[in-house]
Amino acid sequence: MLSAGLLIIRIIIGVTFIGHGMQKLFGWFGGYGPKGTGGWMESIGIRPGIVMAVLAGLLEVTGGILFAAGFLTPLAAAMIIVTMVVSIIKVHGKNGYWITANGIEYNVVLLAVALGVAFTGAGIYSIDHLLF
């Protein structure tokens, strides 16, 4: 049952990060693509905006795919954690904890899930389990 639970967590979180990355890279799912996201990043002091938007999108998509598959899970978790830490520091931290005020609540939950799975392992329903 533990591995089934980890599989559900990995797929939901992984697919969520894939979607967030696709918003940045291609403007899918209501996103703004590299130009729009890059312009916003520039406005909050992350430069060069378009390059950073593409890098963030690649981290999210790659981390999400690896996390969902349970492949190189600690690395996948690190990719997710890095994007959440930057989001907390650059965007949400000044707004407090609760998401109702655009705070860090959501970011902390995603970060905690990624960290927990990294420490626990991906479970038997994972590529990591098959290879290692």
C-alpha atoms as a PDB file:
ATOM      1  CA  MET A   1       0.000   0.000   0.000  1.00  0.00           C
ATOM      2  CA  LEU A   2       2.871   2.381   0.738  1.00  0.00           C
ATOM      3  CA  SER A   3       4.197   2.100  -2.810  1.00  0.00           C
ATOM      4  CA  ALA A   4       0.722   2.648  -4.263  1.00  0.00           C
ATOM      5  CA  GLY A   5       0.402   5.811  -2.180  1.00  0.00           C
ATOM      6  CA  LEU A   6       3.802   7.023  -3.313  1.00  0.00           C
ATOM      7  CA  LEU A   7       2.845   6.325  -6.934  1.00  0.00           C
ATOM      8  CA  ILE A   8      -0.293   8.465  -6.611  1.00  0.00           C
ATOM      9  CA  ILE A   9       1.667  11.278  -4.972  1.00  0.00           C
ATOM     10  CA  ARG A  10       4.448  11.119  -7.575  1.00  0.00           C
ATOM     11  CA  ILE A  11       2.046  11.153 -10.529  1.00  0.00           C
ATOM     12  CA  ILE A  12      -0.097  14.033  -9.252  1.00  0.00           C
ATOM     13  CA  ILE A  13       2.848  16.201  -8.241  1.00  0.00           C
ATOM     14  CA  GLY A  14       4.860  15.256 -11.327  1.00  0.00           C
ATOM     15  CA  VAL A  15       2.038  16.024 -13.760  1.00  0.00           C
ATOM     16  CA  THR A  16       1.357  19.300 -11.946  1.00  0.00           C
ATOM     17  CA  PHE A  17       4.975  20.349 -12.459  1.00  0.00           C
ATOM     18  CA  ILE A  18       4.916  19.244 -16.086  1.00  0.00           C
ATOM     19  CA  GLY A  19       1.894  21.503 -16.573  1.00  0.00           C
ATOM     20  CA  HIS A  20       3.568  24.455 -14.833  1.00  0.00           C
ATOM     21  CA  GLY A  21       6.619  24.012 -17.050  1.00  0.00           C
ATOM     22  CA  MET A  22       4.491  23.828 -20.197  1.00  0.00           C
ATOM     23  CA  GLN A  23       2.865  27.123 -19.205  1.00  0.00           C
ATOM     24  CA  LYS A  24       6.288  28.741 -19.189  1.00  0.00           C
ATOM     25  CA  LEU A  25       7.712  26.983 -22.242  1.00  0.00           C
ATOM     26  CA  PHE A  26       4.718  26.959 -24.606  1.00  0.00           C
ATOM     27  CA  GLY A  27       1.959  29.078 -23.080  1.00  0.00           C
ATOM     28  CA  TRP A  28      -0.210  25.987 -22.615  1.00  0.00           C
ATOM     29  CA  PHE A  29      -2.830  25.624 -19.847  1.00  0.00           C
ATOM     30  CA  GLY A  30      -3.327  29.369 -19.512  1.00  0.00           C
ATOM     31  CA  GLY A  31       0.376  30.183 -19.338  1.00  0.00           C
ATOM     32  CA  TYR A  32       2.172  33.060 -21.015  1.00  0.00           C
ATOM     33  CA  GLY A  33       5.049  31.262 -22.734  1.00  0.00           C
ATOM     34  CA  PRO A  34       8.686  32.310 -22.532  1.00  0.00           C
ATOM     35  CA  LYS A  35       8.128  35.908 -23.613  1.00  0.00           C
ATOM     36  CA  GLY A  36       5.256  36.652 -21.234  1.00  0.00           C
ATOM     37  CA  THR A  37       6.734  34.727 -18.336  1.00  0.00           C
ATOM     38  CA  GLY A  38      10.158  36.233 -19.041  1.00  0.00           C
ATOM     39  CA  GLY A  39       8.727  39.750 -18.999  1.00  0.00           C
ATOM     40  CA  TRP A  40       7.089  39.074 -15.650  1.00  0.00           C
ATOM     41  CA  MET A  41      10.338  37.576 -14.310  1.00  0.00           C
ATOM     42  CA  GLU A  42      12.223  40.691 -15.396  1.00  0.00           C
ATOM     43  CA  SER A  43       9.655  42.815 -13.551  1.00  0.00           C
ATOM     44  CA  ILE A  44      10.481  41.051 -10.268  1.00  0.00           C
ATOM     45  CA  GLY A  45      14.231  41.224 -10.811  1.00  0.00           C
ATOM     46  CA  ILE A  46      14.964  37.809 -12.341  1.00  0.00           C
ATOM     47  CA  ARG A  47      17.202  38.455 -15.340  1.00  0.00           C
ATOM     48  CA  PRO A  48      17.533  37.680 -18.182  1.00  0.00           C
ATOM     49  CA  GLY A  49      13.800  37.027 -18.075  1.00  0.00           C
ATOM     50  CA  ILE A  50      13.248  34.861 -21.146  1.00  0.00           C
ATOM     51  CA  VAL A  51      16.295  32.703 -20.430  1.00  0.00           C
ATOM     52  CA  MET A  52      15.227  32.246 -16.830  1.00  0.00           C
ATOM     53  CA  ALA A  53      11.645  31.456 -17.875  1.00  0.00           C
ATOM     54  CA  VAL A  54      12.913  28.741 -20.204  1.00  0.00           C
ATOM     55  CA  LEU A  55      15.248  27.362 -17.531  1.00  0.00           C
ATOM     56  CA  ALA A  56      12.456  27.333 -14.949  1.00  0.00           C
ATOM     57  CA  GLY A  57      10.141  25.637 -17.439  1.00  0.00           C
ATOM     58  CA  LEU A  58      12.751  23.008 -18.272  1.00  0.00           C
ATOM     59  CA  LEU A  59      13.393  22.339 -14.571  1.00  0.00           C
ATOM     60  CA  GLU A  60       9.674  21.928 -13.933  1.00  0.00           C
ATOM     61  CA  VAL A  61       9.012  19.690 -16.944  1.00  0.00           C
ATOM     62  CA  THR A  62      12.111  17.544 -16.446  1.00  0.00           C
ATOM     63  CA  GLY A  63      11.649  17.338 -12.681  1.00  0.00           C
ATOM     64  CA  GLY A  64       7.979  16.513 -13.147  1.00  0.00           C
ATOM     65  CA  ILE A  65       8.622  13.726 -15.651  1.00  0.00           C
ATOM     66  CA  LEU A  66      11.370  12.170 -13.534  1.00  0.00           C
ATOM     67  CA  PHE A  67       9.312  12.518 -10.332  1.00  0.00           C
ATOM     68  CA  ALA A  68       6.190  10.955 -11.853  1.00  0.00           C
ATOM     69  CA  ALA A  69       8.224   8.068 -13.266  1.00  0.00           C
ATOM     70  CA  GLY A  70      10.155   7.578 -10.059  1.00  0.00           C
ATOM     71  CA  PHE A  71      13.419   7.841 -11.959  1.00  0.00           C
ATOM     72  CA  LEU A  72      16.397   9.544 -10.326  1.00  0.00           C
ATOM     73  CA  THR A  73      13.903  10.569  -7.670  1.00  0.00           C
ATOM     74  CA  PRO A  74      16.300  12.567  -5.437  1.00  0.00           C
ATOM     75  CA  LEU A  75      17.392  14.611  -8.478  1.00  0.00           C
ATOM     76  CA  ALA A  76      13.766  15.094  -9.566  1.00  0.00           C
ATOM     77  CA  ALA A  77      12.854  16.212  -6.053  1.00  0.00           C
ATOM     78  CA  ALA A  78      15.791  18.634  -6.036  1.00  0.00           C
ATOM     79  CA  MET A  79      14.529  20.188  -9.281  1.00  0.00           C
ATOM     80  CA  ILE A  80      11.093  20.667  -7.750  1.00  0.00           C
ATOM     81  CA  ILE A  81      12.532  21.990  -4.494  1.00  0.00           C
ATOM     82  CA  VAL A  82      14.758  24.528  -6.278  1.00  0.00           C
ATOM     83  CA  THR A  83      11.825  25.954  -8.221  1.00  0.00           C
ATOM     84  CA  MET A  84       9.750  26.183  -5.045  1.00  0.00           C
ATOM     85  CA  VAL A  85      12.519  27.855  -3.048  1.00  0.00           C
ATOM     86  CA  VAL A  86      13.004  30.473  -5.778  1.00  0.00           C
ATOM     87  CA  SER A  87       9.235  30.995  -5.922  1.00  0.00           C
ATOM     88  CA  ILE A  88       9.086  31.449  -2.160  1.00  0.00           C
ATOM     89  CA  ILE A  89      12.023  33.883  -2.104  1.00  0.00           C
ATOM     90  CA  LYS A  90      11.182  35.930  -5.200  1.00  0.00           C
ATOM     91  CA  VAL A  91       7.371  35.858  -5.342  1.00  0.00           C
ATOM     92  CA  HIS A  92       5.373  34.576  -2.394  1.00  0.00           C
ATOM     93  CA  GLY A  93       7.534  35.075   0.707  1.00  0.00           C
ATOM     94  CA  LYS A  94       6.604  38.713   1.180  1.00  0.00           C
ATOM     95  CA  ASN A  95       2.906  37.768   1.313  1.00  0.00           C
ATOM     96  CA  GLY A  96       3.038  35.571   4.391  1.00  0.00           C
ATOM     97  CA  TYR A  97       1.999  31.949   4.668  1.00  0.00           C
ATOM     98  CA  TRP A  98      -1.579  31.595   3.450  1.00  0.00           C
ATOM     99  CA  ILE A  99      -2.407  31.176  -0.224  1.00  0.00           C
ATOM    100  CA  THR A 100      -5.433  33.439   0.170  1.00  0.00           C
ATOM    101  CA  ALA A 101      -2.919  36.310   0.372  1.00  0.00           C
ATOM    102  CA  ASN A 102      -0.719  34.795  -2.413  1.00  0.00           C
ATOM    103  CA  GLY A 103       1.576  33.441   0.303  1.00  0.00           C
ATOM    104  CA  ILE A 104       3.893  30.450   0.443  1.00  0.00           C
ATOM    105  CA  GLU A 105       1.404  27.783   1.592  1.00  0.00           C
ATOM    106  CA  TYR A 106       1.130  25.953  -1.777  1.00  0.00           C
ATOM    107  CA  ASN A 107       4.870  26.161  -2.408  1.00  0.00           C
ATOM    108  CA  VAL A 108       5.674  24.762   1.034  1.00  0.00           C
ATOM    109  CA  VAL A 109       3.299  21.831   0.516  1.00  0.00           C
ATOM    110  CA  LEU A 110       4.872  20.954  -2.848  1.00  0.00           C
ATOM    111  CA  LEU A 111       8.371  21.352  -1.417  1.00  0.00           C
ATOM    112  CA  ALA A 112       7.496  19.119   1.562  1.00  0.00           C
ATOM    113  CA  VAL A 113       6.024  16.417  -0.677  1.00  0.00           C
ATOM    114  CA  ALA A 114       9.103  16.411  -2.916  1.00  0.00           C
ATOM    115  CA  LEU A 115      11.429  16.300   0.087  1.00  0.00           C
ATOM    116  CA  GLY A 116       9.409  13.552   1.756  1.00  0.00           C
ATOM    117  CA  VAL A 117       9.447  11.362  -1.354  1.00  0.00           C
ATOM    118  CA  ALA A 118      13.176  11.994  -1.799  1.00  0.00           C
ATOM    119  CA  PHE A 119      13.796  10.772   1.763  1.00  0.00           C
ATOM    120  CA  THR A 120      11.306   7.893   1.577  1.00  0.00           C
ATOM    121  CA  GLY A 121      12.141   6.673  -1.901  1.00  0.00           C
ATOM    122  CA  ALA A 122       9.867   6.320  -4.891  1.00  0.00           C
ATOM    123  CA  GLY A 123       8.461   2.923  -3.919  1.00  0.00           C
ATOM    124  CA  ILE A 124       8.327  -0.346  -5.827  1.00  0.00           C
ATOM    125  CA  TYR A 125       6.239   1.121  -8.660  1.00  0.00           C
ATOM    126  CA  SER A 126       9.125   3.191  -9.966  1.00  0.00           C
ATOM    127  CA  ILE A 127      11.973   3.078 -12.426  1.00  0.00           C
ATOM    128  CA  ASP A 128      14.377   3.596  -9.516  1.00  0.00           C
ATOM    129  CA  HIS A 129      13.169   0.345  -7.967  1.00  0.00           C
ATOM    130  CA  LEU A 130      13.619  -1.538 -11.244  1.00  0.00           C
ATOM    131  CA  LEU A 131      17.139  -0.236 -11.836  1.00  0.00           C
ATOM    132  CA  PHE A 132      18.589   0.209  -8.362  1.00  0.00           C
END
